[in-house]
Amino acid sequence: MEHSHSLCLLEGDSSFPALYDMINQYISDGYAVVYSVESDPDDVVVQMRNLGMAAENFVQKGALRLLDKNLFLLPENKSPHNQPLNSLQLVAAELTEFKWILCIGSNDRFLEINQKESLLEYEKALTLPGLSLEIVCCYNAESVRELSLEYLVKILNLHQYTLHHHHSQFVYREWHPKKLIDLLTKSMNKAIGQESSERLLNILKTLYKIDGHAPFQFQNFENPIRELLGNSAKVILNSLAEEIKREISFTRSSQY
């Protein structure tokens, strides 16, 4: 099984039916699914049943594991980042009769208790190819609303793909540094016009080596833009943050 690590930005409870549909499709294709996006597994079964899914049957067969996101991810406020990873591995190890395993989990709890560094360490650990799991890390749009642009980009850059629901299909879009440059260009065009945007982008590329080929971890737009534009940078940076959120939204409406 090929390892993959994707990010999914949800729009609250309204996104759950699409996730249930995805689970149904994956189980039909022979996958086992570990689902820890919600806090009440019994209610998840009810909601799935209301949508016509044979949720109880999936659970009884072992193809569907429903876990309380809070207890599974961070049972204690000071839980080390490797504890949820170990828990994930233990659950996956119990599913030996399945060739493929999809893990869909919420990471919002880290943000709710202000464990941002632990979240980054956990996300980094999920990139390890030896896990042999297909992992989807879910974040609620509300939980990331107040994150700094720099931190949002750090989280995003730890993922290979973003997951989207489009016309009843599930689309994995590869994430690449060039997309940040494209979104930055779009934001600057809106804020200061295309001509000024092109000049500023050339300065960023020349002085700060910001381009579409730099490694993920070195992409830092905030400080250079603030140094060049001072207080005027706020409009561009706020616009960029919103463009990123639209780009990675689970139900983004633009074409694929």
C-alpha atoms as a PDB file:
ATOM      1  CA  MET A   1       0.000   0.000   0.000  1.00  0.00           C
ATOM      2  CA  GLU A   2       1.388   3.414  -0.976  1.00  0.00           C
ATOM      3  CA  HIS A   3       1.674   5.964   1.808  1.00  0.00           C
ATOM      4  CA  SER A   4      -0.047   9.316   1.287  1.00  0.00           C
ATOM      5  CA  HIS A   5      -0.657  12.322   3.531  1.00  0.00           C
ATOM      6  CA  SER A   6      -3.435  14.770   2.643  1.00  0.00           C
ATOM      7  CA  LEU A   7      -5.045  17.839   4.174  1.00  0.00           C
ATOM      8  CA  CYS A   8      -8.800  18.424   4.191  1.00  0.00           C
ATOM      9  CA  LEU A   9     -10.253  21.804   5.200  1.00  0.00           C
ATOM     10  CA  LEU A  10     -13.867  21.249   6.260  1.00  0.00           C
ATOM     11  CA  GLU A  11     -16.713  23.748   6.458  1.00  0.00           C
ATOM     12  CA  GLY A  12     -18.180  22.467   9.724  1.00  0.00           C
ATOM     13  CA  ASP A  13     -20.789  19.723  10.110  1.00  0.00           C
ATOM     14  CA  SER A  14     -22.113  20.321   6.592  1.00  0.00           C
ATOM     15  CA  SER A  15     -19.017  18.541   5.244  1.00  0.00           C
ATOM     16  CA  PHE A  16     -19.701  15.293   7.114  1.00  0.00           C
ATOM     17  CA  PRO A  17     -22.164  13.720   4.624  1.00  0.00           C
ATOM     18  CA  ALA A  18     -19.543  14.018   1.874  1.00  0.00           C
ATOM     19  CA  LEU A  19     -16.972  12.361   4.138  1.00  0.00           C
ATOM     20  CA  TYR A  20     -19.459   9.559   4.848  1.00  0.00           C
ATOM     21  CA  ASP A  21     -19.924   9.076   1.117  1.00  0.00           C
ATOM     22  CA  MET A  22     -16.170   8.871   0.714  1.00  0.00           C
ATOM     23  CA  ILE A  23     -15.953   6.267   3.478  1.00  0.00           C
ATOM     24  CA  ASN A  24     -18.686   4.245   1.797  1.00  0.00           C
ATOM     25  CA  GLN A  25     -16.825   4.296  -1.514  1.00  0.00           C
ATOM     26  CA  TYR A  26     -13.515   3.289   0.037  1.00  0.00           C
ATOM     27  CA  ILE A  27     -15.018   0.402   2.007  1.00  0.00           C
ATOM     28  CA  SER A  28     -16.791  -0.764  -1.160  1.00  0.00           C
ATOM     29  CA  ASP A  29     -13.379  -0.840  -2.822  1.00  0.00           C
ATOM     30  CA  GLY A  30     -11.975  -3.137  -0.131  1.00  0.00           C
ATOM     31  CA  TYR A  31     -10.459  -0.607   2.252  1.00  0.00           C
ATOM     32  CA  ALA A  32     -10.678  -0.496   6.010  1.00  0.00           C
ATOM     33  CA  VAL A  33     -11.387   3.021   7.286  1.00  0.00           C
ATOM     34  CA  VAL A  34     -10.409   4.540  10.627  1.00  0.00           C
ATOM     35  CA  TYR A  35     -12.572   7.622  11.217  1.00  0.00           C
ATOM     36  CA  SER A  36     -11.860  10.025  14.087  1.00  0.00           C
ATOM     37  CA  VAL A  37     -13.261  13.364  12.912  1.00  0.00           C
ATOM     38  CA  GLU A  38     -16.184  13.574  15.364  1.00  0.00           C
ATOM     39  CA  SER A  39     -16.613  13.108  19.108  1.00  0.00           C
ATOM     40  CA  ASP A  40     -19.614  10.754  19.195  1.00  0.00           C
ATOM     41  CA  PRO A  41     -19.141   7.468  17.298  1.00  0.00           C
ATOM     42  CA  ASP A  42     -22.708   6.343  18.060  1.00  0.00           C
ATOM     43  CA  ASP A  43     -24.113   9.492  16.469  1.00  0.00           C
ATOM     44  CA  VAL A  44     -21.888   8.937  13.417  1.00  0.00           C
ATOM     45  CA  VAL A  45     -23.504   5.519  12.960  1.00  0.00           C
ATOM     46  CA  VAL A  46     -26.957   7.113  13.142  1.00  0.00           C
ATOM     47  CA  GLN A  47     -26.061   9.816  10.633  1.00  0.00           C
ATOM     48  CA  MET A  48     -24.563   7.272   8.232  1.00  0.00           C
ATOM     49  CA  ARG A  49     -27.630   5.046   8.549  1.00  0.00           C
ATOM     50  CA  ASN A  50     -29.867   8.027   7.746  1.00  0.00           C
ATOM     51  CA  LEU A  51     -27.919   8.431   4.508  1.00  0.00           C
ATOM     52  CA  GLY A  52     -28.528   4.815   3.547  1.00  0.00           C
ATOM     53  CA  MET A  53     -25.152   3.412   4.595  1.00  0.00           C
ATOM     54  CA  ALA A  54     -24.830   0.003   6.233  1.00  0.00           C
ATOM     55  CA  ALA A  55     -22.731   1.509   9.009  1.00  0.00           C
ATOM     56  CA  GLU A  56     -23.441  -1.164  11.635  1.00  0.00           C
ATOM     57  CA  ASN A  57     -22.506  -3.877   9.158  1.00  0.00           C
ATOM     58  CA  PHE A  58     -19.240  -2.099   8.320  1.00  0.00           C
ATOM     59  CA  VAL A  59     -18.406  -1.818  12.005  1.00  0.00           C
ATOM     60  CA  GLN A  60     -19.257  -5.463  12.706  1.00  0.00           C
ATOM     61  CA  LYS A  61     -17.084  -6.643   9.822  1.00  0.00           C
ATOM     62  CA  GLY A  62     -14.195  -4.531  11.108  1.00  0.00           C
ATOM     63  CA  ALA A  63     -14.050  -2.442   7.957  1.00  0.00           C
ATOM     64  CA  LEU A  64     -14.992   0.725   9.834  1.00  0.00           C
ATOM     65  CA  ARG A  65     -13.426   1.878  13.087  1.00  0.00           C
ATOM     66  CA  LEU A  66     -15.147   4.903  14.627  1.00  0.00           C
ATOM     67  CA  LEU A  67     -13.176   6.752  17.313  1.00  0.00           C
ATOM     68  CA  ASP A  68     -13.850   9.771  19.510  1.00  0.00           C
ATOM     69  CA  LYS A  69     -11.540  12.436  18.070  1.00  0.00           C
ATOM     70  CA  ASN A  70     -10.779  13.890  21.503  1.00  0.00           C
ATOM     71  CA  LEU A  71      -9.973  10.641  23.300  1.00  0.00           C
ATOM     72  CA  PHE A  72      -8.055   9.199  20.365  1.00  0.00           C
ATOM     73  CA  LEU A  73      -5.938  12.216  19.535  1.00  0.00           C
ATOM     74  CA  LEU A  74      -5.197  13.890  22.848  1.00  0.00           C
ATOM     75  CA  PRO A  75      -6.483  12.048  25.919  1.00  0.00           C
ATOM     76  CA  GLU A  76      -4.484  14.480  28.094  1.00  0.00           C
ATOM     77  CA  ASN A  77      -3.590  18.121  27.520  1.00  0.00           C
ATOM     78  CA  LYS A  78       0.117  17.346  27.861  1.00  0.00           C
ATOM     79  CA  SER A  79       0.076  14.258  25.705  1.00  0.00           C
ATOM     80  CA  PRO A  80       3.286  13.968  23.646  1.00  0.00           C
ATOM     81  CA  HIS A  81       2.929  14.198  19.878  1.00  0.00           C
ATOM     82  CA  ASN A  82       4.042  10.582  19.400  1.00  0.00           C
ATOM     83  CA  GLN A  83       1.156   9.223  21.505  1.00  0.00           C
ATOM     84  CA  PRO A  84      -1.576   9.769  18.878  1.00  0.00           C
ATOM     85  CA  LEU A  85       0.795   8.436  16.212  1.00  0.00           C
ATOM     86  CA  ASN A  86       1.355   5.279  18.258  1.00  0.00           C
ATOM     87  CA  SER A  87      -2.408   4.980  18.772  1.00  0.00           C
ATOM     88  CA  LEU A  88      -2.957   5.254  15.022  1.00  0.00           C
ATOM     89  CA  GLN A  89      -0.376   2.563  14.358  1.00  0.00           C
ATOM     90  CA  LEU A  90      -1.936   0.269  16.958  1.00  0.00           C
ATOM     91  CA  VAL A  91      -5.392   0.633  15.421  1.00  0.00           C
ATOM     92  CA  ALA A  92      -4.009   0.016  11.934  1.00  0.00           C
ATOM     93  CA  ALA A  93      -2.132  -3.059  13.170  1.00  0.00           C
ATOM     94  CA  GLU A  94      -5.448  -4.624  14.200  1.00  0.00           C
ATOM     95  CA  LEU A  95      -6.749  -4.432  10.622  1.00  0.00           C
ATOM     96  CA  THR A  96      -4.508  -7.164   9.231  1.00  0.00           C
ATOM     97  CA  GLU A  97      -7.183  -8.694   7.004  1.00  0.00           C
ATOM     98  CA  PHE A  98      -7.362  -5.530   4.896  1.00  0.00           C
ATOM     99  CA  LYS A  99      -4.820  -4.704   2.232  1.00  0.00           C
ATOM    100  CA  TRP A 100      -5.518  -0.966   2.279  1.00  0.00           C
ATOM    101  CA  ILE A 101      -6.276   1.344   5.197  1.00  0.00           C
ATOM    102  CA  LEU A 102      -7.607   4.901   5.023  1.00  0.00           C
ATOM    103  CA  CYS A 103      -7.308   7.022   8.181  1.00  0.00           C
ATOM    104  CA  ILE A 104      -9.438  10.175   8.349  1.00  0.00           C
ATOM    105  CA  GLY A 105      -8.899  12.186  11.516  1.00  0.00           C
ATOM    106  CA  SER A 106      -9.393  15.654  12.943  1.00  0.00           C
ATOM    107  CA  ASN A 107      -6.375  17.559  14.259  1.00  0.00           C
ATOM    108  CA  ASP A 108      -8.410  20.470  15.629  1.00  0.00           C
ATOM    109  CA  ARG A 109      -7.894  19.361  19.228  1.00  0.00           C
ATOM    110  CA  PHE A 110      -4.226  20.405  19.069  1.00  0.00           C
ATOM    111  CA  LEU A 111      -5.306  23.935  18.177  1.00  0.00           C
ATOM    112  CA  GLU A 112      -8.112  24.027  20.734  1.00  0.00           C
ATOM    113  CA  ILE A 113      -5.656  23.471  23.595  1.00  0.00           C
ATOM    114  CA  ASN A 114      -2.909  25.581  21.983  1.00  0.00           C
ATOM    115  CA  GLN A 115      -0.499  22.721  21.297  1.00  0.00           C
ATOM    116  CA  LYS A 116       0.749  24.148  18.005  1.00  0.00           C
ATOM    117  CA  GLU A 117       4.294  22.825  18.182  1.00  0.00           C
ATOM    118  CA  SER A 118       3.012  19.359  19.089  1.00  0.00           C
ATOM    119  CA  LEU A 119       0.715  19.534  16.078  1.00  0.00           C
ATOM    120  CA  LEU A 120       3.632  20.300  13.751  1.00  0.00           C
ATOM    121  CA  GLU A 121       5.635  17.409  15.204  1.00  0.00           C
ATOM    122  CA  TYR A 122       2.658  15.080  14.798  1.00  0.00           C
ATOM    123  CA  GLU A 123       2.126  16.177  11.200  1.00  0.00           C
ATOM    124  CA  LYS A 124       5.825  15.668  10.471  1.00  0.00           C
ATOM    125  CA  ALA A 125       5.633  12.156  11.915  1.00  0.00           C
ATOM    126  CA  LEU A 126       2.708  11.368   9.601  1.00  0.00           C
ATOM    127  CA  THR A 127       4.927  12.037   6.577  1.00  0.00           C
ATOM    128  CA  LEU A 128       7.059   8.963   7.319  1.00  0.00           C
ATOM    129  CA  PRO A 129       6.714   6.546   4.385  1.00  0.00           C
ATOM    130  CA  GLY A 130       7.020   3.503   6.643  1.00  0.00           C
ATOM    131  CA  LEU A 131       3.475   4.049   7.929  1.00  0.00           C
ATOM    132  CA  SER A 132       1.967   2.500   4.754  1.00  0.00           C
ATOM    133  CA  LEU A 133      -1.335   4.285   5.367  1.00  0.00           C
ATOM    134  CA  GLU A 134      -3.481   6.684   3.409  1.00  0.00           C
ATOM    135  CA  ILE A 135      -3.935   9.547   5.864  1.00  0.00           C
ATOM    136  CA  VAL A 136      -6.325  12.486   5.613  1.00  0.00           C
ATOM    137  CA  CYS A 137      -5.831  15.200   8.250  1.00  0.00           C
ATOM    138  CA  CYS A 138      -8.998  17.239   8.709  1.00  0.00           C
ATOM    139  CA  TYR A 139      -9.196  20.789   9.990  1.00  0.00           C
ATOM    140  CA  ASN A 140     -12.337  22.833  10.504  1.00  0.00           C
ATOM    141  CA  ALA A 141     -12.279  26.194   8.741  1.00  0.00           C
ATOM    142  CA  GLU A 142     -13.301  27.832  12.014  1.00  0.00           C
ATOM    143  CA  SER A 143     -10.337  26.355  13.898  1.00  0.00           C
ATOM    144  CA  VAL A 144      -7.787  27.735  11.415  1.00  0.00           C
ATOM    145  CA  ARG A 145      -9.429  31.155  11.105  1.00  0.00           C
ATOM    146  CA  GLU A 146      -7.101  32.831  13.615  1.00  0.00           C
ATOM    147  CA  LEU A 147      -3.892  31.060  12.630  1.00  0.00           C
ATOM    148  CA  SER A 148      -1.033  33.183  11.389  1.00  0.00           C
ATOM    149  CA  LEU A 149      -0.220  32.914   7.708  1.00  0.00           C
ATOM    150  CA  GLU A 150       3.204  31.488   8.518  1.00  0.00           C
ATOM    151  CA  TYR A 151       1.762  28.705  10.682  1.00  0.00           C
ATOM    152  CA  LEU A 152      -0.975  27.892   8.163  1.00  0.00           C
ATOM    153  CA  VAL A 153       1.648  27.499   5.437  1.00  0.00           C
ATOM    154  CA  LYS A 154       3.776  25.298   7.717  1.00  0.00           C
ATOM    155  CA  ILE A 155       0.854  22.923   8.241  1.00  0.00           C
ATOM    156  CA  LEU A 156      -0.055  22.894   4.567  1.00  0.00           C
ATOM    157  CA  ASN A 157       3.521  22.257   3.454  1.00  0.00           C
ATOM    158  CA  LEU A 158       3.682  19.072   5.511  1.00  0.00           C
ATOM    159  CA  HIS A 159       1.102  17.444   3.215  1.00  0.00           C
ATOM    160  CA  GLN A 160       1.430  15.903  -0.228  1.00  0.00           C
ATOM    161  CA  TYR A 161      -2.149  16.570  -1.302  1.00  0.00           C
ATOM    162  CA  THR A 162      -5.277  18.530  -0.522  1.00  0.00           C
ATOM    163  CA  LEU A 163      -8.604  16.688  -0.621  1.00  0.00           C
ATOM    164  CA  HIS A 164     -11.706  18.131  -2.323  1.00  0.00           C
ATOM    165  CA  HIS A 165     -15.308  17.123  -2.935  1.00  0.00           C
ATOM    166  CA  HIS A 166     -16.419  18.182  -6.398  1.00  0.00           C
ATOM    167  CA  HIS A 167     -19.625  17.059  -8.160  1.00  0.00           C
ATOM    168  CA  SER A 168     -19.877  13.921  -5.974  1.00  0.00           C
ATOM    169  CA  GLN A 169     -16.272  13.028  -6.784  1.00  0.00           C
ATOM    170  CA  PHE A 170     -13.286  13.089  -4.458  1.00  0.00           C
ATOM    171  CA  VAL A 171     -10.248  14.822  -5.886  1.00  0.00           C
ATOM    172  CA  TYR A 172      -6.719  14.687  -4.512  1.00  0.00           C
ATOM    173  CA  ARG A 173      -4.715  17.671  -5.724  1.00  0.00           C
ATOM    174  CA  GLU A 174      -0.957  17.596  -5.334  1.00  0.00           C
ATOM    175  CA  TRP A 175       0.406  20.442  -3.265  1.00  0.00           C
ATOM    176  CA  HIS A 176       3.510  22.179  -4.635  1.00  0.00           C
ATOM    177  CA  PRO A 177       5.450  25.358  -3.658  1.00  0.00           C
ATOM    178  CA  LYS A 178       4.568  26.960  -6.989  1.00  0.00           C
ATOM    179  CA  LYS A 179       0.932  27.132  -5.909  1.00  0.00           C
ATOM    180  CA  LEU A 180       1.904  29.470  -3.086  1.00  0.00           C
ATOM    181  CA  ILE A 181       3.632  31.733  -5.602  1.00  0.00           C
ATOM    182  CA  ASP A 182       0.556  31.664  -7.823  1.00  0.00           C
ATOM    183  CA  LEU A 183      -1.707  32.560  -4.894  1.00  0.00           C
ATOM    184  CA  LEU A 184       0.666  35.277  -3.731  1.00  0.00           C
ATOM    185  CA  THR A 185       0.665  36.763  -7.235  1.00  0.00           C
ATOM    186  CA  LYS A 186      -3.136  36.681  -7.322  1.00  0.00           C
ATOM    187  CA  SER A 187      -3.335  38.408  -3.932  1.00  0.00           C
ATOM    188  CA  MET A 188      -0.867  41.120  -4.920  1.00  0.00           C
ATOM    189  CA  ASN A 189      -2.660  41.737  -8.204  1.00  0.00           C
ATOM    190  CA  LYS A 190      -5.852  42.379  -6.263  1.00  0.00           C
ATOM    191  CA  ALA A 191      -4.192  44.595  -3.670  1.00  0.00           C
ATOM    192  CA  ILE A 192      -1.742  46.738  -5.670  1.00  0.00           C
ATOM    193  CA  GLY A 193      -2.429  46.028  -9.345  1.00  0.00           C
ATOM    194  CA  GLN A 194      -0.638  43.780 -11.815  1.00  0.00           C
ATOM    195  CA  GLU A 195       2.224  46.117 -12.722  1.00  0.00           C
ATOM    196  CA  SER A 196       3.214  46.848  -9.119  1.00  0.00           C
ATOM    197  CA  SER A 197       2.658  43.195  -8.281  1.00  0.00           C
ATOM    198  CA  GLU A 198       5.133  42.058 -10.932  1.00  0.00           C
ATOM    199  CA  ARG A 199       7.797  44.463  -9.647  1.00  0.00           C
ATOM    200  CA  LEU A 200       7.314  43.340  -6.045  1.00  0.00           C
ATOM    201  CA  LEU A 201       7.407  39.669  -6.979  1.00  0.00           C
ATOM    202  CA  ASN A 202      10.661  40.181  -8.912  1.00  0.00           C
ATOM    203  CA  ILE A 203      12.179  41.824  -5.824  1.00  0.00           C
ATOM    204  CA  LEU A 204      11.051  38.913  -3.647  1.00  0.00           C
ATOM    205  CA  LYS A 205      12.563  36.412  -6.066  1.00  0.00           C
ATOM    206  CA  THR A 206      15.834  38.333  -6.359  1.00  0.00           C
ATOM    207  CA  LEU A 207      16.465  39.400  -2.769  1.00  0.00           C
ATOM    208  CA  TYR A 208      14.719  36.641  -0.817  1.00  0.00           C
ATOM    209  CA  LYS A 209      14.985  33.714  -3.235  1.00  0.00           C
ATOM    210  CA  ILE A 210      11.231  33.179  -3.092  1.00  0.00           C
ATOM    211  CA  ASP A 211      10.146  31.197  -6.118  1.00  0.00           C
ATOM    212  CA  GLY A 212       8.224  28.096  -7.115  1.00  0.00           C
ATOM    213  CA  HIS A 213      11.215  25.799  -6.731  1.00  0.00           C
ATOM    214  CA  ALA A 214      12.361  26.473  -3.170  1.00  0.00           C
ATOM    215  CA  PRO A 215      11.810  23.647  -0.647  1.00  0.00           C
ATOM    216  CA  PHE A 216       8.545  23.834   1.273  1.00  0.00           C
ATOM    217  CA  GLN A 217      10.131  24.586   4.617  1.00  0.00           C
ATOM    218  CA  PHE A 218      11.895  27.706   3.343  1.00  0.00           C
ATOM    219  CA  GLN A 219       8.838  29.405   1.926  1.00  0.00           C
ATOM    220  CA  ASN A 220       8.275  32.409   4.198  1.00  0.00           C
ATOM    221  CA  PHE A 221       6.333  35.262   2.638  1.00  0.00           C
ATOM    222  CA  GLU A 222       5.428  37.319   5.672  1.00  0.00           C
ATOM    223  CA  ASN A 223       8.725  38.856   6.793  1.00  0.00           C
ATOM    224  CA  PRO A 224      10.014  39.894   3.347  1.00  0.00           C
ATOM    225  CA  ILE A 225       6.686  41.485   2.383  1.00  0.00           C
ATOM    226  CA  ARG A 226       6.477  43.334   5.720  1.00  0.00           C
ATOM    227  CA  GLU A 227      10.058  44.572   5.293  1.00  0.00           C
ATOM    228  CA  LEU A 228       9.289  45.906   1.827  1.00  0.00           C
ATOM    229  CA  LEU A 229       5.822  47.361   2.402  1.00  0.00           C
ATOM    230  CA  GLY A 230       5.541  48.030   6.114  1.00  0.00           C
ATOM    231  CA  ASN A 231       1.957  48.490   7.299  1.00  0.00           C
ATOM    232  CA  SER A 232       0.687  48.209   3.711  1.00  0.00           C
ATOM    233  CA  ALA A 233       1.687  44.535   3.723  1.00  0.00           C
ATOM    234  CA  LYS A 234      -1.318  43.627   5.878  1.00  0.00           C
ATOM    235  CA  VAL A 235      -3.761  43.834   2.960  1.00  0.00           C
ATOM    236  CA  ILE A 236      -1.671  41.484   0.821  1.00  0.00           C
ATOM    237  CA  LEU A 237      -1.024  38.992   3.619  1.00  0.00           C
ATOM    238  CA  ASN A 238      -4.675  38.859   4.667  1.00  0.00           C
ATOM    239  CA  SER A 239      -5.684  38.370   1.043  1.00  0.00           C
ATOM    240  CA  LEU A 240      -3.110  35.592   0.638  1.00  0.00           C
ATOM    241  CA  ALA A 241      -4.410  33.771   3.725  1.00  0.00           C
ATOM    242  CA  GLU A 242      -7.956  33.861   2.330  1.00  0.00           C
ATOM    243  CA  GLU A 243      -6.792  32.715  -1.108  1.00  0.00           C
ATOM    244  CA  ILE A 244      -5.011  29.747   0.464  1.00  0.00           C
ATOM    245  CA  LYS A 245      -8.112  28.763   2.437  1.00  0.00           C
ATOM    246  CA  ARG A 246     -10.264  28.971  -0.697  1.00  0.00           C
ATOM    247  CA  GLU A 247      -7.726  26.934  -2.641  1.00  0.00           C
ATOM    248  CA  ILE A 248      -7.607  24.098  -0.113  1.00  0.00           C
ATOM    249  CA  SER A 249     -11.296  24.104   0.867  1.00  0.00           C
ATOM    250  CA  PHE A 250     -12.945  20.675   0.770  1.00  0.00           C
ATOM    251  CA  THR A 251     -15.814  22.013  -1.329  1.00  0.00           C
ATOM    252  CA  ARG A 252     -13.929  24.616  -3.392  1.00  0.00           C
ATOM    253  CA  SER A 253     -16.065  25.627  -6.381  1.00  0.00           C
ATOM    254  CA  SER A 254     -13.409  26.426  -8.992  1.00  0.00           C
ATOM    255  CA  GLN A 255     -12.536  24.009 -11.759  1.00  0.00           C
ATOM    256  CA  TYR A 256     -10.089  21.127 -11.324  1.00  0.00           C
END
